[in-house]
Every structure is written in C-alpha cells, then in structure tokens.
C-alpha atoms as a PDB file:
ATOM      1  CA  MET A   1      11.876 -25.609  13.457  1.00  0.00           C
ATOM      2  CA  LYS A   2      12.580 -21.489  13.063  1.00  0.00           C
ATOM      3  CA  SER A   3       9.677 -21.050  11.027  1.00  0.00           C
ATOM      4  CA  SER A   4       6.811 -22.856  13.715  1.00  0.00           C
ATOM      5  CA  ILE A   5       8.517 -21.006  16.569  1.00  0.00           C
ATOM      6  CA  SER A   6       8.228 -17.454  14.447  1.00  0.00           C
ATOM      7  CA  ALA A   7       4.648 -18.756  13.782  1.00  0.00           C
ATOM      8  CA  LEU A   8       3.681 -19.635  17.462  1.00  0.00           C
ATOM      9  CA  PHE A   9       5.569 -15.980  18.414  1.00  0.00           C
ATOM     10  CA  LEU A  10       3.430 -14.527  15.969  1.00  0.00           C
ATOM     11  CA  THR A  11       0.500 -16.168  17.005  1.00  0.00           C
ATOM     12  CA  LEU A  12       1.077 -15.219  20.625  1.00  0.00           C
ATOM     13  CA  PHE A  13       1.456 -11.641  19.701  1.00  0.00           C
ATOM     14  CA  PHE A  14      -1.540 -11.064  17.920  1.00  0.00           C
ATOM     15  CA  SER A  15      -3.441 -12.821  20.792  1.00  0.00           C
ATOM     16  CA  ILE A  16      -1.889 -10.606  23.002  1.00  0.00           C
ATOM     17  CA  THR A  17      -2.361  -7.391  21.190  1.00  0.00           C
ATOM     18  CA  ALA A  18      -5.330  -7.948  20.279  1.00  0.00           C
ATOM     19  CA  SER A  19      -6.970  -7.710  23.520  1.00  0.00           C
ATOM     20  CA  ALA A  20      -4.909  -4.529  24.886  1.00  0.00           C
ATOM     21  CA  GLN A  21      -6.387  -1.445  25.445  1.00  0.00           C
ATOM     22  CA  ILE A  22      -5.547   1.497  23.972  1.00  0.00           C
ATOM     23  CA  THR A  23      -3.786   3.803  27.140  1.00  0.00           C
ATOM     24  CA  SER A  24      -1.603   6.252  25.016  1.00  0.00           C
ATOM     25  CA  LEU A  25      -0.788   8.476  21.897  1.00  0.00           C
ATOM     26  CA  GLY A  26       1.996   5.760  21.378  1.00  0.00           C
ATOM     27  CA  SER A  27      -0.134   2.819  22.107  1.00  0.00           C
ATOM     28  CA  ALA A  28      -2.870   3.987  19.401  1.00  0.00           C
ATOM     29  CA  ILE A  29      -0.395   4.894  16.958  1.00  0.00           C
ATOM     30  CA  ASN A  30       1.178   1.310  16.770  1.00  0.00           C
ATOM     31  CA  LYS A  31      -1.826   0.129  16.958  1.00  0.00           C
ATOM     32  CA  ALA A  32      -3.333   1.721  14.301  1.00  0.00           C
ATOM     33  CA  GLY A  33      -0.110   1.242  12.395  1.00  0.00           C
ATOM     34  CA  ARG A  34      -0.151  -2.646  12.816  1.00  0.00           C
ATOM     35  CA  GLN A  35      -3.869  -2.430  10.615  1.00  0.00           C
ATOM     36  CA  ARG A  36      -1.617  -1.550   7.734  1.00  0.00           C
ATOM     37  CA  MET A  37       0.465  -4.494   8.040  1.00  0.00           C
ATOM     38  CA  ILE A  38      -2.095  -6.696   8.840  1.00  0.00           C
ATOM     39  CA  THR A  39      -4.049  -5.605   5.402  1.00  0.00           C
ATOM     40  CA  GLN A  40      -0.896  -6.736   3.354  1.00  0.00           C
ATOM     41  CA  ARG A  41      -0.687  -9.502   5.389  1.00  0.00           C
ATOM     42  CA  MET A  42      -3.544 -11.054   4.621  1.00  0.00           C
ATOM     43  CA  THR A  43      -3.215 -10.152   1.026  1.00  0.00           C
ATOM     44  CA  LYS A  44       0.319 -12.016   1.141  1.00  0.00           C
ATOM     45  CA  ASP A  45      -1.156 -15.038   2.434  1.00  0.00           C
ATOM     46  CA  TYR A  46      -4.299 -14.898   0.055  1.00  0.00           C
ATOM     47  CA  LEU A  47      -1.791 -15.289  -2.748  1.00  0.00           C
ATOM     48  CA  LEU A  48       0.413 -17.806  -0.792  1.00  0.00           C
ATOM     49  CA  ILE A  49      -2.713 -20.491  -0.956  1.00  0.00           C
ATOM     50  CA  GLY A  50      -3.379 -19.780  -4.408  1.00  0.00           C
ATOM     51  CA  ALA A  51       0.291 -20.377  -5.279  1.00  0.00           C
ATOM     52  CA  GLY A  52       0.230 -23.348  -3.454  1.00  0.00           C
ATOM     53  CA  VAL A  53       2.945 -22.037  -0.946  1.00  0.00           C
ATOM     54  CA  LYS A  54       2.962 -22.499   2.884  1.00  0.00           C
ATOM     55  CA  VAL A  55      -1.004 -23.265   2.499  1.00  0.00           C
ATOM     56  CA  GLU A  56      -1.292 -24.354   6.425  1.00  0.00           C
ATOM     57  CA  ALA A  57       0.716 -21.781   8.050  1.00  0.00           C
ATOM     58  CA  ALA A  58      -1.209 -19.187   5.274  1.00  0.00           C
ATOM     59  CA  THR A  59      -4.432 -19.995   6.373  1.00  0.00           C
ATOM     60  CA  ARG A  60      -3.938 -19.836   9.864  1.00  0.00           C
ATOM     61  CA  GLU A  61      -2.326 -16.609   9.813  1.00  0.00           C
ATOM     62  CA  ILE A  62      -5.305 -15.168   7.701  1.00  0.00           C
ATOM     63  CA  ASP A  63      -8.120 -16.565  10.209  1.00  0.00           C
ATOM     64  CA  GLU A  64      -5.800 -14.296  12.836  1.00  0.00           C
ATOM     65  CA  SER A  65      -5.395 -11.607  10.992  1.00  0.00           C
ATOM     66  CA  ILE A  66      -8.900 -11.007  10.180  1.00  0.00           C
ATOM     67  CA  SER A  67      -9.844 -11.526  13.781  1.00  0.00           C
ATOM     68  CA  THR A  68      -6.961  -9.143  14.957  1.00  0.00           C
ATOM     69  CA  PHE A  69      -8.053  -6.620  12.377  1.00  0.00           C
ATOM     70  CA  GLU A  70     -12.040  -6.481  13.328  1.00  0.00           C
ATOM     71  CA  GLU A  71     -10.997  -6.408  17.161  1.00  0.00           C
ATOM     72  CA  GLU A  72      -8.477  -3.848  16.453  1.00  0.00           C
ATOM     73  CA  HIS A  73     -10.557  -1.742  14.610  1.00  0.00           C
ATOM     74  CA  ASN A  74     -13.208  -1.653  17.434  1.00  0.00           C
ATOM     75  CA  ASP A  75     -10.288  -0.587  19.839  1.00  0.00           C
ATOM     76  CA  LEU A  76      -9.262   2.061  17.724  1.00  0.00           C
ATOM     77  CA  VAL A  77     -13.294   3.404  17.269  1.00  0.00           C
ATOM     78  CA  ARG A  78     -13.407   3.308  21.112  1.00  0.00           C
ATOM     79  CA  TYR A  79     -10.311   5.052  21.705  1.00  0.00           C
ATOM     80  CA  ALA A  80     -10.971   7.938  18.875  1.00  0.00           C
ATOM     81  CA  PRO A  81     -10.798  11.358  20.454  1.00  0.00           C
ATOM     82  CA  ASN A  82     -11.698  13.915  17.710  1.00  0.00           C
ATOM     83  CA  LYS A  83     -14.357  14.006  14.604  1.00  0.00           C
ATOM     84  CA  GLU A  84     -11.276  13.599  12.013  1.00  0.00           C
ATOM     85  CA  ILE A  85     -10.151  10.316  13.349  1.00  0.00           C
ATOM     86  CA  LYS A  86     -13.581   8.866  13.661  1.00  0.00           C
ATOM     87  CA  ASP A  87     -14.341  10.017   9.910  1.00  0.00           C
ATOM     88  CA  ALA A  88     -11.112   8.370   8.978  1.00  0.00           C
ATOM     89  CA  LEU A  89     -12.078   5.017  10.798  1.00  0.00           C
ATOM     90  CA  ALA A  90     -15.225   4.790   9.212  1.00  0.00           C
ATOM     91  CA  VAL A  91     -14.205   4.772   5.833  1.00  0.00           C
ATOM     92  CA  VAL A  92     -11.868   1.973   6.791  1.00  0.00           C
ATOM     93  CA  ASP A  93     -14.941   0.397   7.843  1.00  0.00           C
ATOM     94  CA  GLU A  94     -16.460   0.909   5.156  1.00  0.00           C
ATOM     95  CA  LEU A  95     -13.761  -0.644   2.680  1.00  0.00           C
ATOM     96  CA  TRP A  96     -13.034  -3.474   5.173  1.00  0.00           C
ATOM     97  CA  SER A  97     -16.674  -4.598   4.920  1.00  0.00           C
ATOM     98  CA  LYS A  98     -16.260  -5.322   1.651  1.00  0.00           C
ATOM     99  CA  PHE A  99     -12.330  -6.338   1.337  1.00  0.00           C
ATOM    100  CA  ARG A 100     -12.981  -8.888   4.298  1.00  0.00           C
ATOM    101  CA  VAL A 101     -15.715 -11.265   2.109  1.00  0.00           C
ATOM    102  CA  LYS A 102     -12.968 -11.046  -0.834  1.00  0.00           C
ATOM    103  CA  VAL A 103      -9.998 -12.193   0.949  1.00  0.00           C
ATOM    104  CA  GLY A 104     -11.583 -15.082   3.047  1.00  0.00           C
ATOM    105  CA  ALA A 105     -12.993 -16.599  -0.314  1.00  0.00           C
ATOM    106  CA  THR A 106     -11.035 -19.444  -2.410  1.00  0.00           C
ATOM    107  CA  PRO A 107      -7.868 -17.942  -3.747  1.00  0.00           C
ATOM    108  CA  ASN A 108      -8.677 -17.334  -7.815  1.00  0.00           C
ATOM    109  CA  ILE A 109      -5.983 -15.798  -9.611  1.00  0.00           C
ATOM    110  CA  ASP A 110      -8.384 -13.869 -11.546  1.00  0.00           C
ATOM    111  CA  ALA A 111      -9.416 -12.098  -8.447  1.00  0.00           C
ATOM    112  CA  ALA A 112      -6.048 -11.401  -7.284  1.00  0.00           C
ATOM    113  CA  THR A 113      -5.131  -8.053  -9.161  1.00  0.00           C
ATOM    114  CA  SER A 114      -8.051  -6.484  -8.108  1.00  0.00           C
ATOM    115  CA  LEU A 115      -8.108  -8.136  -4.410  1.00  0.00           C
ATOM    116  CA  ILE A 116      -4.592  -6.155  -4.189  1.00  0.00           C
ATOM    117  CA  ILE A 117      -5.829  -2.666  -5.727  1.00  0.00           C
ATOM    118  CA  GLU A 118      -8.369  -3.148  -2.714  1.00  0.00           C
ATOM    119  CA  SER A 119      -5.839  -3.974  -0.156  1.00  0.00           C
ATOM    120  CA  THR A 120      -3.823  -0.998  -0.918  1.00  0.00           C
ATOM    121  CA  ALA A 121      -7.045   1.116  -0.826  1.00  0.00           C
ATOM    122  CA  LEU A 122      -7.572  -0.023   2.756  1.00  0.00           C
ATOM    123  CA  MET A 123      -3.750   0.396   3.761  1.00  0.00           C
ATOM    124  CA  ASN A 124      -3.469   3.811   2.451  1.00  0.00           C
ATOM    125  CA  ALA A 125      -6.955   4.744   4.786  1.00  0.00           C
ATOM    126  CA  CYS A 126      -5.943   2.851   7.503  1.00  0.00           C
ATOM    127  CA  ASN A 127      -2.556   4.984   7.210  1.00  0.00           C
ATOM    128  CA  THR A 128      -4.708   8.107   6.757  1.00  0.00           C
ATOM    129  CA  VAL A 129      -5.836   7.281  10.662  1.00  0.00           C
ATOM    130  CA  VAL A 130      -2.260   7.098  11.833  1.00  0.00           C
ATOM    131  CA  GLU A 131      -1.430  10.050  10.514  1.00  0.00           C
ATOM    132  CA  LYS A 132      -5.013  11.825  12.001  1.00  0.00           C
ATOM    133  CA  ILE A 133      -3.303  10.618  15.625  1.00  0.00           C
ATOM    134  CA  GLN A 134      -0.001  11.579  15.015  1.00  0.00           C
ATOM    135  CA  GLU A 135      -1.358  15.065  13.875  1.00  0.00           C
ATOM    136  CA  TYR A 136      -3.696  15.186  16.918  1.00  0.00           C
ATOM    137  CA  GLY A 137      -0.913  14.192  19.403  1.00  0.00           C
ATOM    138  CA  GLY A 138       1.308  17.033  17.929  1.00  0.00           C
ATOM    139  CA  VAL A 139       4.308  15.288  19.469  1.00  0.00           C
ATOM    140  CA  LYS A 140       8.232  15.050  17.130  1.00  0.00           C
ATOM    141  CA  THR A 141       8.151  10.996  18.868  1.00  0.00           C
ATOM    142  CA  ALA A 142       5.037  10.185  17.270  1.00  0.00           C
ATOM    143  CA  LYS A 143       6.145  10.174  13.719  1.00  0.00           C
ATOM    144  CA  LEU A 144       8.935   7.982  14.313  1.00  0.00           C
ATOM    145  CA  THR A 145       6.504   5.399  15.878  1.00  0.00           C
ATOM    146  CA  ASN A 146       4.765   6.014  12.810  1.00  0.00           C
ATOM    147  CA  ILE A 147       7.841   5.084  10.225  1.00  0.00           C
ATOM    148  CA  SER A 148       8.800   2.138  12.396  1.00  0.00           C
ATOM    149  CA  GLY A 149       5.317   0.679  12.636  1.00  0.00           C
ATOM    150  CA  ARG A 150       4.867   1.270   8.716  1.00  0.00           C
ATOM    151  CA  GLN A 151       7.947  -0.719   7.873  1.00  0.00           C
ATOM    152  CA  ARG A 152       5.865  -3.706   9.169  1.00  0.00           C
ATOM    153  CA  MET A 153       3.699  -3.006   6.608  1.00  0.00           C
ATOM    154  CA  VAL A 154       6.044  -2.577   3.900  1.00  0.00           C
ATOM    155  CA  SER A 155       7.814  -5.654   4.767  1.00  0.00           C
ATOM    156  CA  GLN A 156       4.598  -7.627   4.028  1.00  0.00           C
ATOM    157  CA  ARG A 157       3.826  -5.286   0.864  1.00  0.00           C
ATOM    158  CA  LEU A 158       6.962  -6.801  -0.433  1.00  0.00           C
ATOM    159  CA  ALA A 159       5.939 -10.381   0.447  1.00  0.00           C
ATOM    160  CA  MET A 160       2.715  -9.741  -1.054  1.00  0.00           C
ATOM    161  CA  PHE A 161       4.503  -8.612  -4.330  1.00  0.00           C
ATOM    162  CA  TYR A 162       7.044 -11.454  -4.434  1.00  0.00           C
ATOM    163  CA  ILE A 163       4.121 -14.104  -4.153  1.00  0.00           C
ATOM    164  CA  ALA A 164       2.350 -12.253  -6.516  1.00  0.00           C
ATOM    165  CA  TYR A 165       5.003 -12.429  -9.196  1.00  0.00           C
ATOM    166  CA  TYR A 166       5.843 -15.825  -8.307  1.00  0.00           C
ATOM    167  CA  TRP A 167       1.925 -16.892  -8.891  1.00  0.00           C
ATOM    168  CA  LYS A 168       1.813 -14.779 -12.735  1.00  0.00           C
ATOM    169  CA  VAL A 169      -0.631 -12.392 -11.245  1.00  0.00           C
ATOM    170  CA  PRO A 170      -1.569 -10.200 -13.990  1.00  0.00           C
ATOM    171  CA  TYR A 171      -1.018  -7.010 -12.141  1.00  0.00           C
ATOM    172  CA  PRO A 172      -0.070  -4.036 -13.649  1.00  0.00           C
ATOM    173  CA  ASN A 173       3.894  -2.686 -13.665  1.00  0.00           C
ATOM    174  CA  LEU A 174       4.863  -5.281 -11.208  1.00  0.00           C
ATOM    175  CA  THR A 175       8.262  -5.206 -11.033  1.00  0.00           C
ATOM    176  CA  THR A 176       8.310  -1.454 -10.686  1.00  0.00           C
ATOM    177  CA  VAL A 177       5.999  -0.957  -7.800  1.00  0.00           C
ATOM    178  CA  PHE A 178       8.030  -4.285  -5.904  1.00  0.00           C
ATOM    179  CA  GLU A 179      11.294  -2.172  -6.488  1.00  0.00           C
ATOM    180  CA  SER A 180      10.038   0.825  -5.129  1.00  0.00           C
ATOM    181  CA  THR A 181       8.708  -0.436  -2.243  1.00  0.00           C
ATOM    182  CA  THR A 182      12.437  -2.126  -1.402  1.00  0.00           C
ATOM    183  CA  ASN A 183      13.443   1.815  -1.890  1.00  0.00           C
ATOM    184  CA  GLU A 184      10.824   2.614   0.821  1.00  0.00           C
ATOM    185  CA  TYR A 185      12.542   0.206   3.227  1.00  0.00           C
ATOM    186  CA  ASP A 186      15.667   1.450   2.756  1.00  0.00           C
ATOM    187  CA  ASP A 187      14.654   5.018   2.964  1.00  0.00           C
ATOM    188  CA  ASN A 188      12.570   4.813   6.327  1.00  0.00           C
ATOM    189  CA  LEU A 189      15.408   2.532   7.816  1.00  0.00           C
ATOM    190  CA  LYS A 190      17.742   5.099   7.294  1.00  0.00           C
ATOM    191  CA  PHE A 191      15.267   7.971   8.394  1.00  0.00           C
ATOM    192  CA  LEU A 192      14.941   5.942  11.797  1.00  0.00           C
ATOM    193  CA  MET A 193      18.662   5.668  12.220  1.00  0.00           C
ATOM    194  CA  THR A 194      18.947   9.227  11.644  1.00  0.00           C
ATOM    195  CA  GLU A 195      16.335  10.191  14.142  1.00  0.00           C
ATOM    196  CA  SER A 196      17.253   7.960  16.832  1.00  0.00           C
ATOM    197  CA  GLU A 197      20.864   8.644  17.680  1.00  0.00           C
ATOM    198  CA  ARG A 198      19.719   9.449  21.295  1.00  0.00           C
ATOM    199  CA  TYR A 199      17.609   6.321  21.868  1.00  0.00           C
ATOM    200  CA  PRO A 200      20.332   3.813  22.501  1.00  0.00           C
ATOM    201  CA  GLN A 201      18.184   0.814  23.039  1.00  0.00           C
ATOM    202  CA  ILE A 202      16.492   1.728  19.630  1.00  0.00           C
ATOM    203  CA  MET A 203      19.735   2.095  18.123  1.00  0.00           C
ATOM    204  CA  GLU A 204      20.732  -1.351  18.931  1.00  0.00           C
ATOM    205  CA  THR A 205      17.935  -2.962  17.485  1.00  0.00           C
ATOM    206  CA  LEU A 206      17.793  -0.640  14.206  1.00  0.00           C
ATOM    207  CA  ASN A 207      21.986  -1.749  13.807  1.00  0.00           C
ATOM    208  CA  LYS A 208      20.566  -5.499  13.808  1.00  0.00           C
ATOM    209  CA  THR A 209      17.707  -5.048  11.673  1.00  0.00           C
ATOM    210  CA  LYS A 210      20.156  -3.251   9.278  1.00  0.00           C
ATOM    211  CA  SER A 211      22.789  -6.224   9.485  1.00  0.00           C
ATOM    212  CA  MET A 212      19.792  -8.325   8.677  1.00  0.00           C
ATOM    213  CA  TRP A 213      18.008  -6.314   5.831  1.00  0.00           C
ATOM    214  CA  ALA A 214      21.836  -5.998   4.083  1.00  0.00           C
ATOM    215  CA  PHE A 215      22.105  -9.982   4.437  1.00  0.00           C
ATOM    216  CA  SER A 216      18.817 -11.016   3.345  1.00  0.00           C
ATOM    217  CA  LYS A 217      18.007  -7.866   0.367  1.00  0.00           C
ATOM    218  CA  THR A 218      19.742 -10.198  -2.153  1.00  0.00           C
ATOM    219  CA  GLY A 219      16.710 -12.537  -1.988  1.00  0.00           C
ATOM    220  CA  PHE A 220      14.750 -10.340  -3.076  1.00  0.00           C
ATOM    221  CA  ASP A 221      15.232 -10.785  -6.418  1.00  0.00           C
ATOM    222  CA  LEU A 222      12.752 -11.070  -8.660  1.00  0.00           C
ATOM    223  CA  LYS A 223      15.360 -11.674 -11.525  1.00  0.00           C
ATOM    224  CA  SER A 224      16.701 -14.878 -10.126  1.00  0.00           C
ATOM    225  CA  ASN A 225      16.579 -18.358 -11.733  1.00  0.00           C
ATOM    226  CA  LYS A 226      15.301 -19.729  -8.870  1.00  0.00           C
ATOM    227  CA  LEU A 227      12.218 -17.846  -7.170  1.00  0.00           C
ATOM    228  CA  MET A 228      12.059 -18.781  -3.225  1.00  0.00           C
ATOM    229  CA  PRO A 229       8.721 -17.940  -1.692  1.00  0.00           C
ATOM    230  CA  SER A 230       8.869 -19.796   1.165  1.00  0.00           C
ATOM    231  CA  VAL A 231      12.276 -18.259   2.049  1.00  0.00           C
ATOM    232  CA  ILE A 232      10.667 -14.981   1.243  1.00  0.00           C
ATOM    233  CA  TYR A 233       7.685 -15.947   3.377  1.00  0.00           C
ATOM    234  CA  VAL A 234       9.770 -16.551   6.581  1.00  0.00           C
ATOM    235  CA  THR A 235      12.524 -13.584   6.318  1.00  0.00           C
ATOM    236  CA  THR A 236       9.704 -10.989   6.321  1.00  0.00           C
ATOM    237  CA  ASN A 237       7.865 -12.486   8.864  1.00  0.00           C
ATOM    238  CA  GLU A 238      10.632 -12.082  10.802  1.00  0.00           C
ATOM    239  CA  MET A 239      11.254  -8.127   9.173  1.00  0.00           C
ATOM    240  CA  THR A 240       8.032  -7.682  10.644  1.00  0.00           C
ATOM    241  CA  ASN A 241       8.776  -8.883  13.699  1.00  0.00           C
ATOM    242  CA  ASP A 242      11.553  -6.824  14.464  1.00  0.00           C
ATOM    243  CA  PHE A 243       9.704  -3.717  13.950  1.00  0.00           C
ATOM    244  CA  ASN A 244       6.886  -4.805  16.562  1.00  0.00           C
ATOM    245  CA  GLN A 245       9.895  -4.755  18.963  1.00  0.00           C
ATOM    246  CA  THR A 246      11.172  -1.617  17.563  1.00  0.00           C
ATOM    247  CA  THR A 247       7.713   0.247  17.419  1.00  0.00           C
ATOM    248  CA  ALA A 248       6.968  -0.981  20.905  1.00  0.00           C
ATOM    249  CA  LEU A 249      10.281   0.993  22.359  1.00  0.00           C
ATOM    250  CA  TYR A 250       8.852   3.709  20.085  1.00  0.00           C
ATOM    251  CA  GLU A 251       5.746   3.889  21.934  1.00  0.00           C
ATOM    252  CA  LYS A 252       7.321   4.235  25.206  1.00  0.00           C
ATOM    253  CA  PHE A 253       8.533   7.654  24.042  1.00  0.00           C
ATOM    254  CA  THR A 254       5.196   8.965  22.454  1.00  0.00           C
ATOM    255  CA  GLU A 255       2.918  10.648  25.098  1.00  0.00           C
ATOM    256  CA  LYS A 256       0.295  12.876  25.015  1.00  0.00           C
END
C-alpha cells in the first residue's frame, strides 16, 4: 500500500510540475536539477524491467519520465536567458534524441552498460545547465538549491547501480561507483545541514532525512546474501520525494 501511495504521489507530482512555468531563478534551478534525476530514474526503470522486478511500476515510471523530461526541457529552452544556457540546452537536446530511443526499447542486458554510460553523459549535460543557471543567478542560495536538487539524482543513481548489480550487468567497476555515489549522498547531506542552519524549516526536513538515511543505509549493501531490489526501489523513491520537498523550500530563498 505504501509503495502504491508513493507511486501515486510521484505521478501527481510529475504531472503538476511538468506543466508549471518557470517564474524565478529558484524554479529554474529546481526544474533543471530535476532533469538530472529523471535521466537516472529512466535508466533504473529500464534495468528493473529487464531484471523482472517491479515491471508494472517501472513501465509506468519510464513513460511518465520520458514525457516529463521533454516537457521540462522545452520549458527550460523557453526560459533560457543567455547564450551559455541556450548552448548547454542544445547539448542536452542532442544527447536526449539518441537516448530516448534506447531507453524506450525492450530491455536487453547486452545494451545495459552502454545505456548507463549514455545516461551518465546526459545527466552531466543536464548538470551543466544547472550550473550555468546558478552562475547566471549569482546568489549564494542558488548553490543550496542546486545541491539539494542533486540529491534526487544521487538517490536514483544509487538505485540504478544497485539494480545493475542485481541483474549482473557487466558495467566496469560497478561496486566502486556505487560506493562513490553513496559517499556523495553522505557528503551532500552533511554540506546542506552545515549551510542551512538559518533555515529552521529546512533543517527540520534535513534532520528527518538524515534519520531515515541512517536507518536505510544498511540495506544498500551489495555484499548481502539477499539483495532486495524491490525495497531499494521504494526507499530511493522516498529519498527522491524527500528532496523534492526540501528543494522546493530552498527554491523560495533563491531569487534573482
């Protein structure tokens, strides 16, 4: 029941945010940052379907994510206030046109490694857009909105690598990149908590996130005798949802 509610909330979240116009620097960073997360979420869903785990939910997520990515990319193109941001979005557009075809195809373990590599390239291109918007804004709180939004991507990237390991995808140094991604989540959370003490409402949400992460982190053990991809799917979606809410709070303090 909990996973069904989470899936319903995420469906409503994506349908609402996809149609929202960009009205501020904070909303631009939030939306551009969410694009990073969607690249990893789609790839995770591709792997889930291939591995035969949460197939119905993953199929629904991947369809929603493709639609949302395209709509929000178009929103960002309309918003782009300078040449640097427009050029960065053009790179995303080129990578996306190729990636979209592959991620929407029937999952094949022989194609999974190259898909992860391409999703990482697309994610990095989306990250460049976020950084260009942050640079354009020139306000300190823009970095906090950026890092908070990035945690959504890191959550989905953790799930992506976990499912790849479960499905035995021959991705190079898989355990190493999984560990480095876990460390990034830790480091980003510590940074946000250190830099957000003047925002009581945000600190409240971060403390809840910290407690949940401390409880859930043991489940992200690739050396476990019993891997639990379904549990990781639910947990990382909840982590993503938590930082959707936190990033929305940062957005309010990020104005041009």
